[in-house]
Every structure is written in C-alpha cells, then in structure tokens.
N, C-alpha and C. Protein backbone atom coordinates (compact mmCIF):
# COMPACT_ATOMS: atom_id res chain seq x y z
N MET A 1 -133.24 149.07 -14.20
CA MET A 1 -133.89 148.58 -12.73
C MET A 1 -132.80 147.89 -11.85
N PRO A 2 -133.07 148.75 -10.18
CA PRO A 2 -131.91 148.28 -9.14
C PRO A 2 -132.49 147.08 -9.06
N LEU A 3 -131.63 146.51 -8.34
CA LEU A 3 -131.15 144.79 -7.48
C LEU A 3 -132.17 144.89 -6.70
N SER A 4 -133.47 143.78 -6.62
CA SER A 4 -134.52 143.83 -5.55
C SER A 4 -133.25 142.10 -4.56
N ASP A 5 -134.48 141.81 -3.48
CA ASP A 5 -133.23 141.22 -2.36
C ASP A 5 -133.58 140.10 -2.70
N PRO A 6 -135.16 139.36 -3.13
CA PRO A 6 -135.63 138.60 -4.14
C PRO A 6 -135.22 138.10 -5.22
N ALA A 7 -134.70 138.74 -5.79
CA ALA A 7 -133.53 138.22 -6.75
C ALA A 7 -132.25 138.07 -7.06
N CYS A 8 -131.80 138.66 -5.62
CA CYS A 8 -130.44 138.46 -5.23
C CYS A 8 -130.14 137.01 -4.72
N LYS A 9 -132.17 136.86 -3.61
CA LYS A 9 -132.49 134.91 -3.31
C LYS A 9 -132.92 134.51 -3.94
N ASN A 10 -133.13 134.71 -5.13
CA ASN A 10 -133.80 133.06 -5.98
C ASN A 10 -132.70 133.07 -7.84
N ALA A 11 -131.60 133.84 -7.19
CA ALA A 11 -130.47 133.33 -8.69
C ALA A 11 -130.20 132.04 -8.24
N LYS A 12 -130.19 131.20 -9.58
CA LYS A 12 -129.48 130.71 -9.74
C LYS A 12 -128.10 130.37 -10.32
N PRO A 13 -127.29 128.96 -9.93
CA PRO A 13 -126.30 129.23 -11.02
C PRO A 13 -126.89 128.51 -12.02
N LYS A 14 -125.68 129.14 -13.32
CA LYS A 14 -126.08 128.56 -14.93
C LYS A 14 -123.97 127.90 -14.95
N ASP A 15 -124.38 127.41 -16.40
CA ASP A 15 -123.18 127.09 -16.94
C ASP A 15 -121.47 128.14 -16.10
N LYS A 16 -121.99 129.30 -16.45
CA LYS A 16 -120.59 130.61 -16.42
C LYS A 16 -121.41 131.22 -15.72
N PRO A 17 -120.31 132.06 -14.66
CA PRO A 17 -120.69 133.01 -13.85
C PRO A 17 -120.90 134.52 -14.79
N TYR A 18 -122.33 134.35 -14.24
CA TYR A 18 -123.23 135.85 -14.68
C TYR A 18 -123.19 137.07 -13.75
N LYS A 19 -123.52 137.90 -13.79
CA LYS A 19 -124.05 139.17 -13.15
C LYS A 19 -125.26 139.56 -13.53
N LEU A 20 -125.65 139.98 -11.76
CA LEU A 20 -127.10 141.13 -11.78
C LEU A 20 -126.75 142.70 -11.37
N ALA A 21 -126.90 143.24 -12.30
CA ALA A 21 -126.85 144.53 -12.24
C ALA A 21 -127.89 145.16 -11.38
N ASP A 22 -126.80 146.13 -10.16
CA ASP A 22 -127.61 146.73 -9.83
C ASP A 22 -128.29 148.12 -10.51
N GLU A 23 -126.62 149.27 -9.37
CA GLU A 23 -126.84 149.94 -10.37
C GLU A 23 -125.95 151.67 -9.86
N LYS A 24 -124.93 152.40 -10.24
CA LYS A 24 -123.77 152.83 -10.17
C LYS A 24 -122.39 151.78 -9.65
N GLY A 25 -122.21 151.22 -10.42
CA GLY A 25 -121.54 150.38 -11.00
C GLY A 25 -121.27 148.98 -10.71
N LEU A 26 -122.86 148.67 -8.94
CA LEU A 26 -122.60 147.66 -8.64
C LEU A 26 -122.97 146.16 -8.80
N PHE A 27 -122.75 145.22 -9.03
CA PHE A 27 -123.63 144.19 -9.32
C PHE A 27 -123.75 142.87 -8.28
N LEU A 28 -123.98 141.60 -8.79
CA LEU A 28 -124.02 140.90 -7.97
C LEU A 28 -123.48 139.28 -8.79
N LEU A 29 -122.13 139.12 -8.46
CA LEU A 29 -121.52 138.01 -9.34
C LEU A 29 -121.99 136.08 -9.06
N VAL A 30 -122.22 136.09 -9.59
CA VAL A 30 -123.28 134.26 -9.62
C VAL A 30 -122.58 133.50 -9.91
N ASN A 31 -121.68 132.86 -9.48
CA ASN A 31 -120.60 131.33 -9.85
C ASN A 31 -121.58 130.25 -10.41
N PRO A 32 -121.23 129.67 -11.64
CA PRO A 32 -121.46 127.57 -11.10
C PRO A 32 -122.08 127.56 -9.97
N ASN A 33 -121.05 127.46 -8.74
CA ASN A 33 -121.26 126.21 -7.50
C ASN A 33 -121.49 127.23 -7.19
N GLY A 34 -122.63 128.14 -7.08
CA GLY A 34 -123.97 128.58 -6.80
C GLY A 34 -123.37 129.82 -5.82
N SER A 35 -122.00 130.36 -5.20
CA SER A 35 -121.76 131.32 -4.87
C SER A 35 -121.62 132.68 -5.18
N LYS A 36 -122.45 133.88 -4.25
CA LYS A 36 -122.53 135.22 -4.95
C LYS A 36 -122.03 136.15 -3.96
N TYR A 37 -121.49 137.09 -4.73
CA TYR A 37 -120.60 137.43 -4.24
C TYR A 37 -120.84 139.47 -5.12
N PHE A 38 -120.77 140.21 -4.07
CA PHE A 38 -121.13 141.96 -4.59
C PHE A 38 -120.00 142.51 -4.75
N ARG A 39 -120.19 143.08 -6.04
CA ARG A 39 -118.31 143.62 -6.89
C ARG A 39 -119.00 144.86 -7.27
N LEU A 40 -118.11 145.79 -7.59
CA LEU A 40 -118.59 147.10 -7.16
C LEU A 40 -117.14 147.08 -8.73
N LYS A 41 -117.83 147.92 -10.05
CA LYS A 41 -116.74 148.07 -10.94
C LYS A 41 -116.48 149.66 -10.94
N TYR A 42 -115.74 149.92 -11.29
CA TYR A 42 -114.96 151.65 -11.49
C TYR A 42 -113.79 151.70 -11.47
N ARG A 43 -113.79 152.99 -12.48
CA ARG A 43 -112.18 153.57 -12.81
C ARG A 43 -111.45 154.34 -12.15
N PHE A 44 -110.48 154.20 -11.92
CA PHE A 44 -108.96 154.76 -11.33
C PHE A 44 -108.33 154.49 -12.18
N ASP A 45 -107.53 156.07 -12.36
CA ASP A 45 -106.82 156.69 -13.56
C ASP A 45 -106.41 156.47 -15.05
N GLY A 46 -108.11 156.03 -15.05
CA GLY A 46 -108.17 155.79 -16.19
C GLY A 46 -108.13 154.23 -16.80
N LYS A 47 -108.10 153.56 -15.30
CA LYS A 47 -107.83 151.96 -15.47
C LYS A 47 -109.21 151.21 -14.88
N GLU A 48 -109.94 150.31 -15.41
CA GLU A 48 -111.09 149.93 -15.14
C GLU A 48 -110.54 149.00 -14.14
N LYS A 49 -111.36 148.54 -12.02
CA LYS A 49 -111.28 147.94 -10.89
C LYS A 49 -111.90 147.64 -10.43
N MET A 50 -111.54 146.25 -10.67
CA MET A 50 -112.90 145.90 -9.25
C MET A 50 -112.73 145.80 -7.60
N LEU A 51 -113.72 145.80 -6.91
CA LEU A 51 -114.05 145.90 -5.35
C LEU A 51 -114.82 145.32 -4.73
N ALA A 52 -114.44 144.32 -4.43
CA ALA A 52 -115.37 142.86 -3.36
C ALA A 52 -115.54 143.62 -2.46
N LEU A 53 -116.76 143.93 -2.29
CA LEU A 53 -117.46 144.39 -1.02
C LEU A 53 -117.98 143.56 -0.11
N GLY A 54 -118.23 142.06 -0.81
CA GLY A 54 -118.74 140.73 0.27
C GLY A 54 -119.30 140.19 -0.41
N VAL A 55 -120.03 138.77 0.73
CA VAL A 55 -119.80 137.96 -0.03
C VAL A 55 -121.92 138.04 0.81
N TYR A 56 -123.03 137.31 -0.81
CA TYR A 56 -124.08 137.40 -0.05
C TYR A 56 -124.16 135.87 0.80
N PRO A 57 -125.62 135.94 1.42
CA PRO A 57 -126.50 136.54 2.08
C PRO A 57 -125.09 137.09 3.47
N GLU A 58 -124.68 136.68 3.76
CA GLU A 58 -123.66 137.53 5.00
C GLU A 58 -123.18 139.03 4.71
N THR A 59 -123.90 139.64 3.61
CA THR A 59 -123.73 141.22 3.30
C THR A 59 -125.15 141.21 3.02
N SER A 60 -125.50 142.00 3.30
CA SER A 60 -127.00 141.97 2.50
C SER A 60 -126.96 143.11 1.36
N LEU A 61 -128.03 143.35 0.76
CA LEU A 61 -128.17 144.63 -0.24
C LEU A 61 -127.42 145.68 0.53
N LYS A 62 -128.23 146.25 0.86
CA LYS A 62 -128.31 148.11 1.51
C LYS A 62 -126.81 147.54 1.72
N LYS A 63 -126.31 146.82 3.18
CA LYS A 63 -125.17 147.07 3.59
C LYS A 63 -124.25 146.89 2.19
N ALA A 64 -124.15 146.31 0.92
CA ALA A 64 -123.97 146.28 -0.16
C ALA A 64 -123.26 147.67 -1.07
N ARG A 65 -124.93 148.13 -0.33
CA ARG A 65 -124.48 149.69 -1.65
C ARG A 65 -124.45 150.69 -0.77
N GLU A 66 -124.03 150.48 0.44
CA GLU A 66 -123.52 151.43 1.64
C GLU A 66 -122.56 151.55 2.08
N ASP A 67 -121.74 150.73 0.91
CA ASP A 67 -120.03 150.28 0.66
C ASP A 67 -120.16 151.25 -0.07
N ARG A 68 -120.88 150.34 -1.44
CA ARG A 68 -120.77 151.20 -3.08
C ARG A 68 -120.69 152.99 -2.76
N ASP A 69 -121.49 152.71 -1.82
CA ASP A 69 -122.03 154.39 -1.80
C ASP A 69 -120.57 155.41 -1.18
N ASN A 70 -119.90 154.43 -0.16
CA ASN A 70 -118.74 155.07 0.40
C ASN A 70 -117.37 154.30 -0.47
N ALA A 71 -117.84 154.13 -0.70
CA ALA A 71 -116.55 153.75 -1.75
C ALA A 71 -116.39 154.86 -3.52
N ARG A 72 -117.42 155.12 -3.64
CA ARG A 72 -118.03 156.42 -4.91
C ARG A 72 -117.53 158.03 -3.84
N LYS A 73 -118.19 158.09 -2.91
CA LYS A 73 -117.54 158.86 -1.91
C LYS A 73 -115.26 159.21 -1.49
N GLN A 74 -115.32 158.12 -1.87
CA GLN A 74 -113.11 158.06 -1.71
C GLN A 74 -113.29 158.59 -3.09
N LEU A 75 -113.27 157.67 -4.34
CA LEU A 75 -113.39 158.73 -5.43
C LEU A 75 -113.64 159.79 -6.04
N ALA A 76 -114.34 160.24 -5.06
CA ALA A 76 -114.40 161.48 -5.75
C ALA A 76 -113.69 162.55 -5.24
N ASP A 77 -112.68 162.24 -3.49
CA ASP A 77 -112.57 163.08 -3.49
C ASP A 77 -110.53 161.93 -3.73
N GLY A 78 -110.33 161.84 -4.92
CA GLY A 78 -109.51 161.07 -5.42
C GLY A 78 -108.07 160.24 -4.55
N ILE A 79 -109.23 158.97 -3.57
CA ILE A 79 -108.68 157.80 -3.40
C ILE A 79 -109.04 156.93 -3.54
N ASP A 80 -108.37 155.82 -4.44
CA ASP A 80 -108.67 154.50 -5.03
C ASP A 80 -109.04 153.54 -3.89
N PRO A 81 -110.36 153.48 -3.98
CA PRO A 81 -110.78 151.93 -2.71
C PRO A 81 -110.28 150.93 -2.71
N ASN A 82 -109.79 150.73 -3.15
CA ASN A 82 -108.96 149.20 -3.13
C ASN A 82 -108.05 149.43 -1.94
N GLU A 83 -106.99 150.90 -2.78
CA GLU A 83 -105.83 150.99 -2.15
C GLU A 83 -105.91 151.67 -0.18
N ASN A 84 -107.34 151.85 -0.63
CA ASN A 84 -107.97 152.32 0.71
C ASN A 84 -108.09 150.49 1.90
N LYS A 85 -108.54 150.11 1.38
CA LYS A 85 -108.93 148.46 2.28
C LYS A 85 -107.92 147.88 2.49
N LYS A 86 -106.27 148.16 1.66
CA LYS A 86 -105.89 147.75 1.89
C LYS A 86 -104.59 147.91 3.44
N ALA A 87 -104.88 149.01 2.61
CA ALA A 87 -103.97 150.27 3.95
C ALA A 87 -104.56 150.09 5.41
N VAL A 88 -105.89 150.41 5.58
CA VAL A 88 -106.81 150.38 6.83
C VAL A 88 -106.35 148.60 7.14
N LYS A 89 -106.68 147.30 6.30
CA LYS A 89 -105.91 146.00 6.48
C LYS A 89 -104.23 146.03 7.46
N GLN A 90 -103.81 146.70 6.25
CA GLN A 90 -102.26 146.74 7.17
C GLN A 90 -102.14 147.65 8.55
N SER A 91 -102.83 147.98 8.36
CA SER A 91 -102.82 149.21 9.85
C SER A 91 -103.13 148.41 11.32
N LYS A 92 -104.15 147.35 10.39
CA LYS A 92 -104.89 146.55 11.43
C LYS A 92 -103.74 145.85 11.97
N ALA A 93 -103.53 145.17 10.93
CA ALA A 93 -102.39 143.87 11.66
C ALA A 93 -101.63 144.26 12.37
N GLU A 94 -100.69 145.60 12.03
CA GLU A 94 -99.74 146.53 12.27
C GLU A 94 -99.83 146.46 14.17
N SER A 95 -101.38 146.75 13.98
CA SER A 95 -101.20 148.11 15.27
C SER A 95 -101.48 145.73 16.20
N ALA A 96 -102.57 145.59 15.38
CA ALA A 96 -102.61 144.01 16.75
C ALA A 96 -100.90 143.02 17.14
N ALA A 97 -100.31 143.37 15.91
CA ALA A 97 -98.80 142.72 15.85
C ALA A 97 -98.03 143.38 17.42
N ASN A 98 -98.10 144.59 17.50
CA ASN A 98 -96.90 145.81 18.39
C ASN A 98 -98.34 145.56 19.37
N SER A 99 -99.12 144.86 19.99
CA SER A 99 -100.54 145.31 21.18
C SER A 99 -99.26 145.40 22.69
N PHE A 100 -99.69 145.39 23.38
CA PHE A 100 -98.49 144.70 24.65
C PHE A 100 -98.23 143.80 25.03
N GLU A 101 -99.38 142.66 24.95
CA GLU A 101 -99.72 141.57 24.74
C GLU A 101 -98.34 140.54 24.26
N VAL A 102 -97.29 140.83 23.30
CA VAL A 102 -97.51 140.15 22.57
C VAL A 102 -95.97 141.20 22.18
N ILE A 103 -95.58 141.91 22.55
CA ILE A 103 -94.28 142.25 23.43
C ILE A 103 -94.04 142.26 24.01
N ALA A 104 -94.86 142.04 25.31
CA ALA A 104 -94.53 141.36 27.34
C ALA A 104 -94.36 139.56 27.04
N ARG A 105 -94.59 138.89 25.83
CA ARG A 105 -94.27 137.99 25.63
C ARG A 105 -93.13 137.69 25.23
N LYS A 106 -92.81 138.78 23.94
CA LYS A 106 -91.56 138.36 23.45
C LYS A 106 -90.20 138.56 24.25
N TRP A 107 -91.02 139.77 25.51
CA TRP A 107 -89.86 140.46 26.34
C TRP A 107 -89.20 139.26 27.16
N TYR A 108 -90.35 138.59 27.86
CA TYR A 108 -90.23 137.20 28.94
C TYR A 108 -89.41 136.02 28.11
N GLU A 109 -89.50 136.36 27.08
CA GLU A 109 -88.77 134.58 26.24
C GLU A 109 -87.34 135.21 26.22
N ARG A 110 -86.98 136.42 26.11
CA ARG A 110 -85.81 136.84 25.65
C ARG A 110 -85.15 136.87 27.10
N ASN A 111 -86.05 137.33 28.01
CA ASN A 111 -85.21 137.70 29.54
C ASN A 111 -85.57 136.59 30.21
N MET A 112 -86.81 136.00 30.05
CA MET A 112 -86.97 134.74 31.43
C MET A 112 -86.88 133.41 30.52
N GLY A 113 -87.01 132.99 28.91
CA GLY A 113 -87.05 132.44 28.73
C GLY A 113 -86.29 130.84 29.37
N ASP A 114 -85.04 131.49 29.31
CA ASP A 114 -83.72 130.27 29.49
C ASP A 114 -83.11 130.26 30.88
N LYS A 115 -83.73 130.75 31.37
CA LYS A 115 -83.29 131.22 33.10
C LYS A 115 -84.13 130.36 33.91
N PRO A 116 -83.50 129.02 34.38
CA PRO A 116 -83.86 127.92 34.79
C PRO A 116 -84.60 128.46 36.08
N ASN A 117 -83.93 129.99 37.37
CA ASN A 117 -84.82 130.06 38.22
C ASN A 117 -85.95 130.86 37.16
N ALA A 118 -86.30 131.28 36.91
CA ALA A 118 -87.87 132.07 35.71
C ALA A 118 -88.53 131.89 36.87
N PRO A 119 -89.37 133.13 37.70
CA PRO A 119 -90.80 132.71 38.22
C PRO A 119 -91.64 131.95 37.32
N SER A 120 -92.39 130.75 38.51
CA SER A 120 -92.95 129.99 36.26
C SER A 120 -94.49 131.10 37.05
N THR A 121 -94.41 131.78 37.59
CA THR A 121 -96.40 132.66 37.54
C THR A 121 -96.06 134.13 37.18
N ALA A 122 -95.07 134.11 36.46
CA ALA A 122 -94.51 135.71 35.95
C ALA A 122 -95.28 135.95 34.65
N LEU A 123 -96.33 135.57 34.51
CA LEU A 123 -97.52 136.64 33.87
C LEU A 123 -98.73 135.04 34.19
N PRO A 124 -98.78 135.26 35.46
CA PRO A 124 -100.70 134.60 35.26
C PRO A 124 -101.47 134.60 34.47
N CYS A 125 -101.66 136.27 34.85
CA CYS A 125 -102.74 136.59 34.40
C CYS A 125 -102.70 136.65 33.07
N VAL A 126 -102.30 136.68 32.62
CA VAL A 126 -102.44 136.70 31.05
C VAL A 126 -102.86 135.39 30.34
N PRO A 127 -103.74 135.27 29.92
CA PRO A 127 -104.12 134.00 29.32
C PRO A 127 -103.26 133.42 27.45
N THR A 128 -103.64 132.77 27.44
CA THR A 128 -101.91 131.81 26.13
C THR A 128 -102.94 132.26 25.33
N ALA A 129 -102.90 132.00 23.99
CA ALA A 129 -103.55 132.41 22.25
C ALA A 129 -103.98 131.02 22.52
N LYS A 130 -104.84 130.65 21.85
CA LYS A 130 -105.68 129.75 21.50
C LYS A 130 -104.99 129.40 20.43
C-alpha cells in the first residue's frame, strides 16, 4: 500500500531507525532523533545503491515521488542518478567559481591591489560578498 502524507506526518521515532515503504523503491527513513528522510533504493550495474531525495516535511511526498520517477527514467536511460546528481552539483559550483565577479576581483587583486595610487573607487558598483 502506498505511503500517505498523514502516515509520514504521524511517523514517530523508535529506538532504531525504521522504514515506511511507498512504492517503486521509495521509502521514508525515520531516525531515532525524529528526523525523516526520503530515500530511493535502486540497483545500477548489479550493485544496490541509495539516492537521497530530501527531508520531510521540506520535501513533500509528491515531490519525492516526482524525483523518484525522474531517477527511474535516468536508470532506464543507463544513467546512475547519484553520479548525475554529483555532476550537476559540481558544474554549478564550477560556474559560480567562474562568474564575472570572481574573475574581476581576482584581476583587481593581482593588478591593482598592491599599488598605493590605485583608485579607491575602482569597483564601486560591485557589492562585497557577505
């Protein structure tokens, strides 16, 4: 029987972690400290793997099911969802590191930072990172 939102909400912690199964490999892991995690259990290249889909209630049951379906489509195409997730995360980090602001600040530090007569208003429109 598929998992329901009230069942997720009413799941109480026990002495040991336990799982509430949904369907097609999706389950809610309830830990002794009360945290609840959506996980997807799947097999890729003959190995059993697990994909983290989010924390309940920040990730709804509906969203977890959508993510499960997307992961199953990737599996059908021969793509490991975990590796794909890592690659997407890494490309986002690389694109943030190569933004114009980062490159402009590095250039300014290298070319203007040590000069005593460098204009103090060289980058007035770029807010400082906090």
